[in-house]
Amino acid sequence: MIYKVKKIKQAEHEYDALTKEQQELLDNDYKTIETEGLERVSTKKIEKDMYEIRTSNLRSLYTYQDGALIIVVTIFIKTTNKTPEWAKKAARKRIKNL
């Protein structure tokens, strides 16, 4: 299914802190979702209403809103095998505030 991808303000700041190469990797995955569908990128369900887009060593935690809209709530660089608790906690709080 094709979705529109939007980033909340905090995720936009996290995106801006990345290198240009990292931003391009994320942009490629976001564009793929918008043109070819979500099934064309690597994703994983983290918990109820929270999912991640897996782009190289970057992770975009997101939720769905209004059917065909993906809201990216946090972006971070993966350094461990598991999604860090601080990232999940931040995502939960941001999802709650949507």
N, C-alpha and C. Protein backbone atom coordinates (compact mmCIF):
# COMPACT_ATOMS: atom_id res chain seq x y z
N MET A 1 0.84 -1.19 0.00
CA MET A 1 0.00 0.00 0.00
C MET A 1 0.88 1.24 0.00
N ILE A 2 0.43 2.25 -0.72
CA ILE A 2 1.17 3.51 -0.82
C ILE A 2 0.70 4.46 0.28
N TYR A 3 1.66 5.09 0.95
CA TYR A 3 1.37 6.01 2.04
C TYR A 3 2.06 7.34 1.79
N LYS A 4 1.56 8.39 2.37
CA LYS A 4 2.23 9.68 2.44
C LYS A 4 3.03 9.68 3.73
N VAL A 5 4.30 10.09 3.67
CA VAL A 5 5.17 10.10 4.85
C VAL A 5 5.36 11.53 5.31
N LYS A 6 5.08 11.77 6.59
CA LYS A 6 5.29 13.09 7.21
C LYS A 6 6.11 12.91 8.48
N LYS A 7 6.92 13.92 8.79
CA LYS A 7 7.71 13.91 10.02
C LYS A 7 7.16 14.99 10.95
N ILE A 8 7.05 14.65 12.25
CA ILE A 8 6.68 15.69 13.21
C ILE A 8 7.89 16.60 13.42
N LYS A 9 7.67 17.70 14.09
CA LYS A 9 8.72 18.71 14.27
C LYS A 9 9.99 18.14 14.92
N GLN A 10 9.83 17.35 15.99
CA GLN A 10 11.00 16.79 16.67
C GLN A 10 11.77 15.84 15.75
N ALA A 11 11.06 15.04 14.96
CA ALA A 11 11.72 14.13 14.02
C ALA A 11 12.44 14.92 12.92
N GLU A 12 11.85 16.05 12.54
CA GLU A 12 12.49 16.92 11.54
C GLU A 12 13.82 17.44 12.07
N HIS A 13 13.89 17.80 13.35
CA HIS A 13 15.14 18.26 13.95
C HIS A 13 16.17 17.13 13.99
N GLU A 14 15.73 15.92 14.31
CA GLU A 14 16.63 14.76 14.32
C GLU A 14 17.15 14.47 12.92
N TYR A 15 16.28 14.62 11.94
CA TYR A 15 16.66 14.43 10.53
C TYR A 15 17.71 15.47 10.14
N ASP A 16 17.50 16.72 10.51
CA ASP A 16 18.43 17.81 10.17
C ASP A 16 19.81 17.60 10.77
N ALA A 17 19.90 16.88 11.89
CA ALA A 17 21.19 16.63 12.55
C ALA A 17 22.00 15.53 11.86
N LEU A 18 21.40 14.81 10.94
CA LEU A 18 22.09 13.73 10.24
C LEU A 18 22.97 14.29 9.13
N THR A 19 23.90 13.47 8.64
CA THR A 19 24.72 13.88 7.51
C THR A 19 23.86 13.87 6.24
N LYS A 20 24.34 14.53 5.20
CA LYS A 20 23.61 14.56 3.93
C LYS A 20 23.42 13.15 3.38
N GLU A 21 24.43 12.29 3.53
CA GLU A 21 24.33 10.91 3.03
C GLU A 21 23.23 10.14 3.78
N GLN A 22 23.16 10.32 5.09
CA GLN A 22 22.13 9.66 5.89
C GLN A 22 20.75 10.19 5.51
N GLN A 23 20.64 11.50 5.30
CA GLN A 23 19.37 12.08 4.90
C GLN A 23 18.92 11.52 3.54
N GLU A 24 19.86 11.35 2.62
CA GLU A 24 19.54 10.80 1.30
C GLU A 24 19.03 9.37 1.41
N LEU A 25 19.64 8.57 2.30
CA LEU A 25 19.18 7.19 2.50
C LEU A 25 17.73 7.18 2.99
N LEU A 26 17.43 8.03 3.98
CA LEU A 26 16.06 8.11 4.49
C LEU A 26 15.10 8.62 3.41
N ASP A 27 15.51 9.65 2.69
CA ASP A 27 14.67 10.21 1.64
C ASP A 27 14.33 9.16 0.59
N ASN A 28 15.30 8.32 0.26
CA ASN A 28 15.06 7.25 -0.73
C ASN A 28 13.99 6.29 -0.23
N ASP A 29 14.09 5.88 1.04
CA ASP A 29 13.08 4.97 1.58
C ASP A 29 11.71 5.64 1.68
N TYR A 30 11.67 6.90 2.12
CA TYR A 30 10.40 7.61 2.22
C TYR A 30 9.76 7.75 0.83
N LYS A 31 10.57 8.07 -0.18
CA LYS A 31 10.06 8.20 -1.55
C LYS A 31 9.55 6.86 -2.07
N THR A 32 10.26 5.78 -1.75
CA THR A 32 9.81 4.45 -2.16
C THR A 32 8.45 4.13 -1.57
N ILE A 33 8.26 4.46 -0.29
CA ILE A 33 6.96 4.23 0.37
C ILE A 33 5.86 5.01 -0.35
N GLU A 34 6.17 6.24 -0.74
CA GLU A 34 5.16 7.10 -1.35
C GLU A 34 4.87 6.73 -2.81
N THR A 35 5.81 6.09 -3.49
CA THR A 35 5.61 5.78 -4.91
C THR A 35 5.37 4.31 -5.20
N GLU A 36 6.00 3.41 -4.41
CA GLU A 36 5.90 1.99 -4.70
C GLU A 36 5.20 1.19 -3.60
N GLY A 37 5.15 1.74 -2.40
CA GLY A 37 4.46 1.08 -1.31
C GLY A 37 5.36 0.71 -0.15
N LEU A 38 4.76 0.56 1.00
CA LEU A 38 5.48 0.26 2.24
C LEU A 38 6.18 -1.09 2.19
N GLU A 39 5.59 -2.05 1.46
CA GLU A 39 6.18 -3.39 1.40
C GLU A 39 7.52 -3.41 0.65
N ARG A 40 7.91 -2.32 0.01
CA ARG A 40 9.17 -2.26 -0.74
C ARG A 40 10.36 -1.82 0.13
N VAL A 41 10.11 -1.48 1.40
CA VAL A 41 11.20 -1.12 2.32
C VAL A 41 11.15 -2.05 3.52
N SER A 42 12.23 -2.09 4.27
CA SER A 42 12.31 -2.95 5.45
C SER A 42 11.63 -2.27 6.64
N THR A 43 10.61 -2.94 7.19
CA THR A 43 9.90 -2.41 8.35
C THR A 43 9.75 -3.50 9.40
N LYS A 44 9.42 -3.08 10.61
CA LYS A 44 9.22 -4.02 11.71
C LYS A 44 8.25 -3.40 12.71
N LYS A 45 7.36 -4.23 13.23
CA LYS A 45 6.46 -3.75 14.29
C LYS A 45 7.23 -3.80 15.60
N ILE A 46 7.24 -2.68 16.33
CA ILE A 46 7.93 -2.58 17.61
C ILE A 46 6.98 -2.91 18.75
N GLU A 47 5.83 -2.28 18.75
CA GLU A 47 4.77 -2.53 19.74
C GLU A 47 3.49 -1.96 19.17
N LYS A 48 2.41 -2.07 19.94
CA LYS A 48 1.12 -1.58 19.46
C LYS A 48 1.24 -0.12 18.99
N ASP A 49 0.83 0.11 17.76
CA ASP A 49 0.83 1.46 17.17
C ASP A 49 2.22 2.04 16.95
N MET A 50 3.30 1.25 17.05
CA MET A 50 4.65 1.77 16.81
C MET A 50 5.40 0.78 15.91
N TYR A 51 5.95 1.34 14.85
CA TYR A 51 6.67 0.55 13.86
C TYR A 51 7.98 1.26 13.53
N GLU A 52 8.90 0.54 12.86
CA GLU A 52 10.13 1.19 12.46
C GLU A 52 10.43 0.92 10.99
N ILE A 53 10.97 1.93 10.34
CA ILE A 53 11.51 1.79 9.00
C ILE A 53 13.01 1.59 9.19
N ARG A 54 13.54 0.51 8.63
CA ARG A 54 14.95 0.17 8.82
C ARG A 54 15.73 0.53 7.56
N THR A 55 16.52 1.58 7.67
CA THR A 55 17.32 2.10 6.57
C THR A 55 18.79 2.04 6.98
N SER A 56 19.52 1.07 6.46
CA SER A 56 20.93 0.91 6.82
C SER A 56 21.02 0.86 8.35
N ASN A 57 21.82 1.75 8.96
CA ASN A 57 21.91 1.78 10.43
C ASN A 57 21.00 2.87 11.02
N LEU A 58 20.08 3.39 10.23
CA LEU A 58 19.15 4.42 10.68
C LEU A 58 17.79 3.80 10.96
N ARG A 59 17.08 4.35 11.92
CA ARG A 59 15.74 3.87 12.24
C ARG A 59 14.80 5.07 12.33
N SER A 60 13.63 4.91 11.73
CA SER A 60 12.56 5.90 11.80
C SER A 60 11.38 5.23 12.48
N LEU A 61 11.06 5.65 13.69
CA LEU A 61 9.90 5.10 14.37
C LEU A 61 8.68 5.90 13.94
N TYR A 62 7.59 5.16 13.63
CA TYR A 62 6.41 5.82 13.10
C TYR A 62 5.14 5.16 13.58
N THR A 63 4.03 5.85 13.30
CA THR A 63 2.69 5.32 13.54
C THR A 63 1.85 5.68 12.32
N TYR A 64 0.69 5.07 12.22
CA TYR A 64 -0.24 5.37 11.15
C TYR A 64 -1.26 6.39 11.63
N GLN A 65 -1.72 7.22 10.69
CA GLN A 65 -2.76 8.18 11.02
C GLN A 65 -3.63 8.39 9.79
N ASP A 66 -4.93 8.44 9.98
CA ASP A 66 -5.88 8.70 8.90
C ASP A 66 -5.68 7.78 7.70
N GLY A 67 -5.50 6.50 7.94
CA GLY A 67 -5.47 5.51 6.86
C GLY A 67 -4.19 5.46 6.06
N ALA A 68 -3.95 6.41 5.16
CA ALA A 68 -2.81 6.34 4.25
C ALA A 68 -1.73 7.35 4.60
N LEU A 69 -1.55 7.62 5.88
CA LEU A 69 -0.54 8.59 6.31
C LEU A 69 0.36 7.95 7.36
N ILE A 70 1.66 8.04 7.13
CA ILE A 70 2.65 7.56 8.09
C ILE A 70 3.25 8.80 8.76
N ILE A 71 3.25 8.82 10.09
CA ILE A 71 3.83 9.93 10.85
C ILE A 71 5.11 9.44 11.50
N VAL A 72 6.25 9.96 11.06
CA VAL A 72 7.54 9.63 11.66
C VAL A 72 7.68 10.46 12.92
N VAL A 73 7.87 9.78 14.06
CA VAL A 73 7.92 10.50 15.33
C VAL A 73 9.33 10.61 15.90
N THR A 74 10.25 9.73 15.50
CA THR A 74 11.64 9.86 15.93
C THR A 74 12.55 9.17 14.94
N ILE A 75 13.75 9.72 14.80
CA ILE A 75 14.78 9.18 13.91
C ILE A 75 16.06 9.07 14.72
N PHE A 76 16.75 7.93 14.62
CA PHE A 76 18.00 7.78 15.35
C PHE A 76 18.92 6.82 14.61
N ILE A 77 20.19 6.83 15.02
CA ILE A 77 21.19 5.92 14.46
C ILE A 77 21.26 4.70 15.36
N LYS A 78 21.10 3.54 14.76
CA LYS A 78 21.10 2.28 15.52
C LYS A 78 22.53 1.90 15.90
N THR A 79 22.73 1.62 17.19
CA THR A 79 24.06 1.23 17.67
C THR A 79 24.05 -0.09 18.41
N THR A 80 22.85 -0.64 18.67
CA THR A 80 22.73 -1.91 19.39
C THR A 80 21.79 -2.84 18.63
N ASN A 81 21.68 -4.08 19.08
CA ASN A 81 20.80 -5.04 18.41
C ASN A 81 19.32 -4.77 18.65
N LYS A 82 18.99 -4.15 19.75
CA LYS A 82 17.60 -3.86 20.08
C LYS A 82 17.32 -2.36 19.95
N THR A 83 16.05 -2.06 19.71
CA THR A 83 15.64 -0.66 19.69
C THR A 83 15.78 -0.12 21.10
N PRO A 84 16.56 0.96 21.28
CA PRO A 84 16.79 1.48 22.64
C PRO A 84 15.50 1.92 23.32
N GLU A 85 15.45 1.70 24.61
CA GLU A 85 14.25 2.06 25.38
C GLU A 85 13.99 3.56 25.32
N TRP A 86 15.05 4.38 25.32
CA TRP A 86 14.86 5.83 25.27
C TRP A 86 14.14 6.23 23.98
N ALA A 87 14.43 5.55 22.87
CA ALA A 87 13.80 5.87 21.59
C ALA A 87 12.33 5.47 21.62
N LYS A 88 12.04 4.30 22.19
CA LYS A 88 10.66 3.85 22.29
C LYS A 88 9.86 4.77 23.22
N LYS A 89 10.48 5.19 24.32
CA LYS A 89 9.80 6.07 25.27
C LYS A 89 9.48 7.42 24.61
N ALA A 90 10.45 7.96 23.87
CA ALA A 90 10.22 9.23 23.17
C ALA A 90 9.12 9.07 22.13
N ALA A 91 9.14 7.95 21.40
CA ALA A 91 8.12 7.71 20.38
C ALA A 91 6.74 7.58 21.00
N ARG A 92 6.63 6.84 22.12
CA ARG A 92 5.34 6.69 22.80
C ARG A 92 4.76 8.06 23.18
N LYS A 93 5.61 8.90 23.75
CA LYS A 93 5.18 10.22 24.20
C LYS A 93 4.73 11.07 23.00
N ARG A 94 5.50 11.02 21.92
CA ARG A 94 5.16 11.82 20.75
C ARG A 94 3.89 11.30 20.07
N ILE A 95 3.71 9.99 20.04
CA ILE A 95 2.49 9.42 19.45
C ILE A 95 1.28 9.85 20.28
N LYS A 96 1.44 9.82 21.60
CA LYS A 96 0.34 10.21 22.49
C LYS A 96 -0.07 11.65 22.25
N ASN A 97 0.90 12.51 21.91
CA ASN A 97 0.64 13.93 21.72
C ASN A 97 0.14 14.28 20.32
N LEU A 98 0.02 13.30 19.44
CA LEU A 98 -0.46 13.59 18.07
C LEU A 98 -1.92 14.01 18.08
